[in-house]
């Protein structure tokens, strides 16, 4: 009798849990596809802007094109490695990896590409049972699932600013393709 009860419980749990885990795995698969597209487009934007325009800013209080690019990298690192991965956050004031400093366009592009690599690696290994774990996000409770969405929004936000900078410099940005 105990065996039948145990077997029934396992079968019932499997029938409920299996679709849930499949949905979560599907989310990761879809997210990775989107992130790879975002990488390609972001790198194309970075490569298309002439290096002598990397210090352009739309207004005195705006970040430069280069600062937007490196800010994408810093925030991607923070959202993925620190919030999702649990690594201690980099200190923006002392960090040199994501500071523009005297970096060339090529060095910045390599840094962003490497950060996408590290983010994608972490997401491929992400334990989807943690999706509902909550974190403090600037004083708000946010789930790790929401952190995934915030990361994608943040990349798009700053890349959009970079596209405007290109237009303000008389350049035609790379053609937008769906799912970026």
C-alpha atoms as a PDB file:
ATOM      1  CA  UNK A   1       0.000   0.000   0.000  1.00  0.00           C
ATOM      2  CA  UNK A   2       2.854   2.404   0.899  1.00  0.00           C
ATOM      3  CA  UNK A   3       4.496   1.543  -2.417  1.00  0.00           C
ATOM      4  CA  UNK A   4       1.333   2.419  -4.364  1.00  0.00           C
ATOM      5  CA  UNK A   5       0.950   5.691  -2.442  1.00  0.00           C
ATOM      6  CA  UNK A   6       4.585   6.595  -3.079  1.00  0.00           C
ATOM      7  CA  UNK A   7       4.338   5.689  -6.757  1.00  0.00           C
ATOM      8  CA  UNK A   8       1.123   7.703  -7.142  1.00  0.00           C
ATOM      9  CA  UNK A   9       2.725  10.715  -5.439  1.00  0.00           C
ATOM     10  CA  UNK A  10       5.784  10.552  -7.698  1.00  0.00           C
ATOM     11  CA  UNK A  11       3.618  10.268 -10.815  1.00  0.00           C
ATOM     12  CA  UNK A  12       1.404  13.162  -9.721  1.00  0.00           C
ATOM     13  CA  UNK A  13       4.400  15.386  -8.951  1.00  0.00           C
ATOM     14  CA  UNK A  14       6.029  14.489 -12.263  1.00  0.00           C
ATOM     15  CA  UNK A  15       2.905  15.373 -14.230  1.00  0.00           C
ATOM     16  CA  UNK A  16       2.756  18.811 -12.572  1.00  0.00           C
ATOM     17  CA  UNK A  17       6.477  19.616 -12.296  1.00  0.00           C
ATOM     18  CA  UNK A  18       7.553  18.451 -15.730  1.00  0.00           C
ATOM     19  CA  UNK A  19       5.632  21.114 -17.719  1.00  0.00           C
ATOM     20  CA  UNK A  20       6.789  23.786 -15.268  1.00  0.00           C
ATOM     21  CA  UNK A  21      10.466  22.876 -15.663  1.00  0.00           C
ATOM     22  CA  UNK A  22       9.994  22.608 -19.423  1.00  0.00           C
ATOM     23  CA  UNK A  23       8.589  26.169 -19.478  1.00  0.00           C
ATOM     24  CA  UNK A  24      11.532  27.451 -17.468  1.00  0.00           C
ATOM     25  CA  UNK A  25      14.028  25.679 -19.721  1.00  0.00           C
ATOM     26  CA  UNK A  26      12.173  27.102 -22.723  1.00  0.00           C
ATOM     27  CA  UNK A  27      12.490  30.599 -21.229  1.00  0.00           C
ATOM     28  CA  UNK A  28      16.260  30.134 -20.896  1.00  0.00           C
ATOM     29  CA  UNK A  29      16.522  28.865 -24.474  1.00  0.00           C
ATOM     30  CA  UNK A  30      14.505  31.829 -25.789  1.00  0.00           C
ATOM     31  CA  UNK A  31      16.445  34.253 -23.609  1.00  0.00           C
ATOM     32  CA  UNK A  32      19.799  32.969 -24.846  1.00  0.00           C
ATOM     33  CA  UNK A  33      18.680  33.325 -28.459  1.00  0.00           C
ATOM     34  CA  UNK A  34      17.641  36.913 -27.761  1.00  0.00           C
ATOM     35  CA  UNK A  35      20.872  37.671 -25.899  1.00  0.00           C
ATOM     36  CA  UNK A  36      22.987  36.323 -28.775  1.00  0.00           C
ATOM     37  CA  UNK A  37      21.056  38.557 -31.184  1.00  0.00           C
ATOM     38  CA  UNK A  38      21.519  41.483 -28.814  1.00  0.00           C
ATOM     39  CA  UNK A  39      25.248  40.798 -28.744  1.00  0.00           C
ATOM     40  CA  UNK A  40      25.525  40.759 -32.528  1.00  0.00           C
ATOM     41  CA  UNK A  41      23.583  43.997 -32.868  1.00  0.00           C
ATOM     42  CA  UNK A  42      25.437  45.741 -30.016  1.00  0.00           C
ATOM     43  CA  UNK A  43      28.823  44.795 -31.457  1.00  0.00           C
ATOM     44  CA  UNK A  44      27.703  45.946 -34.909  1.00  0.00           C
ATOM     45  CA  UNK A  45      26.627  49.308 -33.438  1.00  0.00           C
ATOM     46  CA  UNK A  46      29.971  49.631 -31.624  1.00  0.00           C
ATOM     47  CA  UNK A  47      31.908  48.762 -34.774  1.00  0.00           C
ATOM     48  CA  UNK A  48      29.877  51.103 -36.997  1.00  0.00           C
ATOM     49  CA  UNK A  49      30.499  54.240 -34.927  1.00  0.00           C
ATOM     50  CA  UNK A  50      33.832  55.810 -35.947  1.00  0.00           C
ATOM     51  CA  UNK A  51      36.360  55.799 -33.111  1.00  0.00           C
ATOM     52  CA  UNK A  52      36.775  59.570 -33.296  1.00  0.00           C
ATOM     53  CA  UNK A  53      33.058  59.882 -32.376  1.00  0.00           C
ATOM     54  CA  UNK A  54      33.280  57.617 -29.303  1.00  0.00           C
ATOM     55  CA  UNK A  55      33.577  60.668 -27.044  1.00  0.00           C
ATOM     56  CA  UNK A  56      30.404  62.280 -28.431  1.00  0.00           C
ATOM     57  CA  UNK A  57      27.688  63.096 -25.915  1.00  0.00           C
ATOM     58  CA  UNK A  58      24.245  64.472 -26.707  1.00  0.00           C
ATOM     59  CA  UNK A  59      24.297  66.939 -23.812  1.00  0.00           C
ATOM     60  CA  UNK A  60      26.749  67.916 -21.067  1.00  0.00           C
ATOM     61  CA  UNK A  61      25.077  65.621 -18.520  1.00  0.00           C
ATOM     62  CA  UNK A  62      24.824  62.633 -20.901  1.00  0.00           C
ATOM     63  CA  UNK A  63      27.235  59.750 -21.077  1.00  0.00           C
ATOM     64  CA  UNK A  64      29.420  59.573 -24.157  1.00  0.00           C
ATOM     65  CA  UNK A  65      28.931  56.881 -26.788  1.00  0.00           C
ATOM     66  CA  UNK A  66      31.878  54.985 -25.259  1.00  0.00           C
ATOM     67  CA  UNK A  67      30.529  55.409 -21.716  1.00  0.00           C
ATOM     68  CA  UNK A  68      27.152  54.017 -22.807  1.00  0.00           C
ATOM     69  CA  UNK A  69      28.895  51.033 -24.367  1.00  0.00           C
ATOM     70  CA  UNK A  70      30.984  50.307 -21.295  1.00  0.00           C
ATOM     71  CA  UNK A  71      28.016  50.962 -19.012  1.00  0.00           C
ATOM     72  CA  UNK A  72      26.163  48.193 -20.865  1.00  0.00           C
ATOM     73  CA  UNK A  73      29.060  45.884 -20.025  1.00  0.00           C
ATOM     74  CA  UNK A  74      29.228  46.923 -16.377  1.00  0.00           C
ATOM     75  CA  UNK A  75      25.483  46.540 -15.877  1.00  0.00           C
ATOM     76  CA  UNK A  76      25.420  43.226 -17.742  1.00  0.00           C
ATOM     77  CA  UNK A  77      28.201  41.967 -15.448  1.00  0.00           C
ATOM     78  CA  UNK A  78      26.369  43.201 -12.353  1.00  0.00           C
ATOM     79  CA  UNK A  79      22.949  41.806 -13.307  1.00  0.00           C
ATOM     80  CA  UNK A  80      24.307  38.422 -14.347  1.00  0.00           C
ATOM     81  CA  UNK A  81      27.391  37.687 -12.271  1.00  0.00           C
ATOM     82  CA  UNK A  82      26.372  39.472  -9.058  1.00  0.00           C
ATOM     83  CA  UNK A  83      22.572  39.425  -8.902  1.00  0.00           C
ATOM     84  CA  UNK A  84      21.987  36.092 -10.667  1.00  0.00           C
ATOM     85  CA  UNK A  85      25.334  34.435  -9.967  1.00  0.00           C
ATOM     86  CA  UNK A  86      25.994  35.634  -6.431  1.00  0.00           C
ATOM     87  CA  UNK A  87      29.480  37.058  -7.049  1.00  0.00           C
ATOM     88  CA  UNK A  88      30.397  40.200  -5.102  1.00  0.00           C
ATOM     89  CA  UNK A  89      29.630  43.330  -7.109  1.00  0.00           C
ATOM     90  CA  UNK A  90      32.392  45.315  -8.734  1.00  0.00           C
ATOM     91  CA  UNK A  91      32.905  48.780  -7.259  1.00  0.00           C
ATOM     92  CA  UNK A  92      32.123  51.295 -10.013  1.00  0.00           C
ATOM     93  CA  UNK A  93      34.456  53.850  -8.452  1.00  0.00           C
ATOM     94  CA  UNK A  94      37.515  51.575  -8.507  1.00  0.00           C
ATOM     95  CA  UNK A  95      36.697  49.207 -11.368  1.00  0.00           C
ATOM     96  CA  UNK A  96      38.979  49.584 -14.377  1.00  0.00           C
ATOM     97  CA  UNK A  97      37.529  46.878 -16.621  1.00  0.00           C
ATOM     98  CA  UNK A  98      34.447  48.891 -17.580  1.00  0.00           C
ATOM     99  CA  UNK A  99      35.913  52.394 -17.380  1.00  0.00           C
ATOM    100  CA  UNK A 100      36.526  54.063 -20.718  1.00  0.00           C
ATOM    101  CA  UNK A 101      39.838  55.591 -19.526  1.00  0.00           C
ATOM    102  CA  UNK A 102      42.261  55.295 -22.440  1.00  0.00           C
ATOM    103  CA  UNK A 103      40.685  52.258 -24.051  1.00  0.00           C
ATOM    104  CA  UNK A 104      40.530  52.022 -27.818  1.00  0.00           C
ATOM    105  CA  UNK A 105      37.360  51.211 -29.695  1.00  0.00           C
ATOM    106  CA  UNK A 106      38.737  47.708 -30.281  1.00  0.00           C
ATOM    107  CA  UNK A 107      39.501  47.181 -26.577  1.00  0.00           C
ATOM    108  CA  UNK A 108      35.999  48.273 -25.605  1.00  0.00           C
ATOM    109  CA  UNK A 109      34.401  46.017 -28.219  1.00  0.00           C
ATOM    110  CA  UNK A 110      36.474  43.064 -27.010  1.00  0.00           C
ATOM    111  CA  UNK A 111      35.428  43.802 -23.403  1.00  0.00           C
ATOM    112  CA  UNK A 112      31.734  43.922 -24.316  1.00  0.00           C
ATOM    113  CA  UNK A 113      31.985  40.734 -26.357  1.00  0.00           C
ATOM    114  CA  UNK A 114      33.747  38.967 -23.470  1.00  0.00           C
ATOM    115  CA  UNK A 115      31.070  40.184 -21.054  1.00  0.00           C
ATOM    116  CA  UNK A 116      28.374  38.751 -23.309  1.00  0.00           C
ATOM    117  CA  UNK A 117      30.324  35.446 -23.322  1.00  0.00           C
ATOM    118  CA  UNK A 118      30.470  35.373 -19.514  1.00  0.00           C
ATOM    119  CA  UNK A 119      26.794  36.316 -19.186  1.00  0.00           C
ATOM    120  CA  UNK A 120      25.707  33.646 -21.658  1.00  0.00           C
ATOM    121  CA  UNK A 121      27.829  31.024 -19.890  1.00  0.00           C
ATOM    122  CA  UNK A 122      26.225  31.881 -16.538  1.00  0.00           C
ATOM    123  CA  UNK A 123      22.711  31.830 -17.984  1.00  0.00           C
ATOM    124  CA  UNK A 124      23.290  28.439 -19.641  1.00  0.00           C
ATOM    125  CA  UNK A 125      24.129  27.066 -16.179  1.00  0.00           C
ATOM    126  CA  UNK A 126      21.417  28.976 -14.296  1.00  0.00           C
ATOM    127  CA  UNK A 127      19.319  26.864 -11.922  1.00  0.00           C
ATOM    128  CA  UNK A 128      15.771  27.653 -13.042  1.00  0.00           C
ATOM    129  CA  UNK A 129      14.389  26.623  -9.652  1.00  0.00           C
ATOM    130  CA  UNK A 130      15.791  30.005  -8.481  1.00  0.00           C
ATOM    131  CA  UNK A 131      13.551  32.066 -10.807  1.00  0.00           C
ATOM    132  CA  UNK A 132      11.244  33.048  -7.940  1.00  0.00           C
ATOM    133  CA  UNK A 133      14.064  33.880  -5.488  1.00  0.00           C
ATOM    134  CA  UNK A 134      13.769  37.551  -4.547  1.00  0.00           C
ATOM    135  CA  UNK A 135      16.549  40.120  -4.374  1.00  0.00           C
ATOM    136  CA  UNK A 136      16.823  43.723  -3.265  1.00  0.00           C
ATOM    137  CA  UNK A 137      16.931  45.774  -6.463  1.00  0.00           C
ATOM    138  CA  UNK A 138      17.438  49.413  -5.510  1.00  0.00           C
ATOM    139  CA  UNK A 139      15.038  49.047  -2.585  1.00  0.00           C
ATOM    140  CA  UNK A 140      12.483  46.948  -4.490  1.00  0.00           C
ATOM    141  CA  UNK A 141      11.927  43.209  -4.229  1.00  0.00           C
ATOM    142  CA  UNK A 142      12.533  41.611  -7.615  1.00  0.00           C
ATOM    143  CA  UNK A 143      12.660  37.955  -8.580  1.00  0.00           C
ATOM    144  CA  UNK A 144      15.599  36.548 -10.488  1.00  0.00           C
ATOM    145  CA  UNK A 145      13.212  36.083 -13.426  1.00  0.00           C
ATOM    146  CA  UNK A 146      12.625  39.848 -13.331  1.00  0.00           C
ATOM    147  CA  UNK A 147      16.398  40.410 -13.233  1.00  0.00           C
ATOM    148  CA  UNK A 148      16.652  38.551 -16.560  1.00  0.00           C
ATOM    149  CA  UNK A 149      14.089  40.948 -18.036  1.00  0.00           C
ATOM    150  CA  UNK A 150      15.701  44.025 -16.481  1.00  0.00           C
ATOM    151  CA  UNK A 151      19.056  43.013 -17.956  1.00  0.00           C
ATOM    152  CA  UNK A 152      17.610  42.794 -21.474  1.00  0.00           C
ATOM    153  CA  UNK A 153      15.780  46.127 -21.051  1.00  0.00           C
ATOM    154  CA  UNK A 154      18.922  47.834 -19.816  1.00  0.00           C
ATOM    155  CA  UNK A 155      20.994  46.732 -22.798  1.00  0.00           C
ATOM    156  CA  UNK A 156      18.279  47.923 -25.172  1.00  0.00           C
ATOM    157  CA  UNK A 157      17.921  51.257 -23.359  1.00  0.00           C
ATOM    158  CA  UNK A 158      21.586  52.213 -23.617  1.00  0.00           C
ATOM    159  CA  UNK A 159      22.021  50.792 -27.097  1.00  0.00           C
ATOM    160  CA  UNK A 160      19.083  52.987 -28.141  1.00  0.00           C
ATOM    161  CA  UNK A 161      20.948  56.021 -26.833  1.00  0.00           C
ATOM    162  CA  UNK A 162      23.965  54.964 -28.873  1.00  0.00           C
ATOM    163  CA  UNK A 163      21.799  54.773 -32.011  1.00  0.00           C
ATOM    164  CA  UNK A 164      20.585  58.334 -31.421  1.00  0.00           C
ATOM    165  CA  UNK A 165      24.218  59.464 -31.045  1.00  0.00           C
ATOM    166  CA  UNK A 166      24.954  57.907 -34.415  1.00  0.00           C
ATOM    167  CA  UNK A 167      22.064  59.822 -36.007  1.00  0.00           C
ATOM    168  CA  UNK A 168      23.194  63.066 -34.351  1.00  0.00           C
ATOM    169  CA  UNK A 169      26.554  62.521 -36.060  1.00  0.00           C
ATOM    170  CA  UNK A 170      24.967  62.039 -39.476  1.00  0.00           C
ATOM    171  CA  UNK A 171      25.438  58.268 -39.483  1.00  0.00           C
ATOM    172  CA  UNK A 172      22.863  55.656 -40.402  1.00  0.00           C
ATOM    173  CA  UNK A 173      22.726  53.032 -37.636  1.00  0.00           C
ATOM    174  CA  UNK A 174      22.777  49.361 -38.578  1.00  0.00           C
ATOM    175  CA  UNK A 175      19.360  48.146 -39.649  1.00  0.00           C
ATOM    176  CA  UNK A 176      17.255  46.903 -36.754  1.00  0.00           C
ATOM    177  CA  UNK A 177      16.347  43.251 -36.952  1.00  0.00           C
ATOM    178  CA  UNK A 178      13.612  41.677 -34.885  1.00  0.00           C
ATOM    179  CA  UNK A 179      14.363  39.828 -31.649  1.00  0.00           C
ATOM    180  CA  UNK A 180      17.257  41.851 -30.387  1.00  0.00           C
END
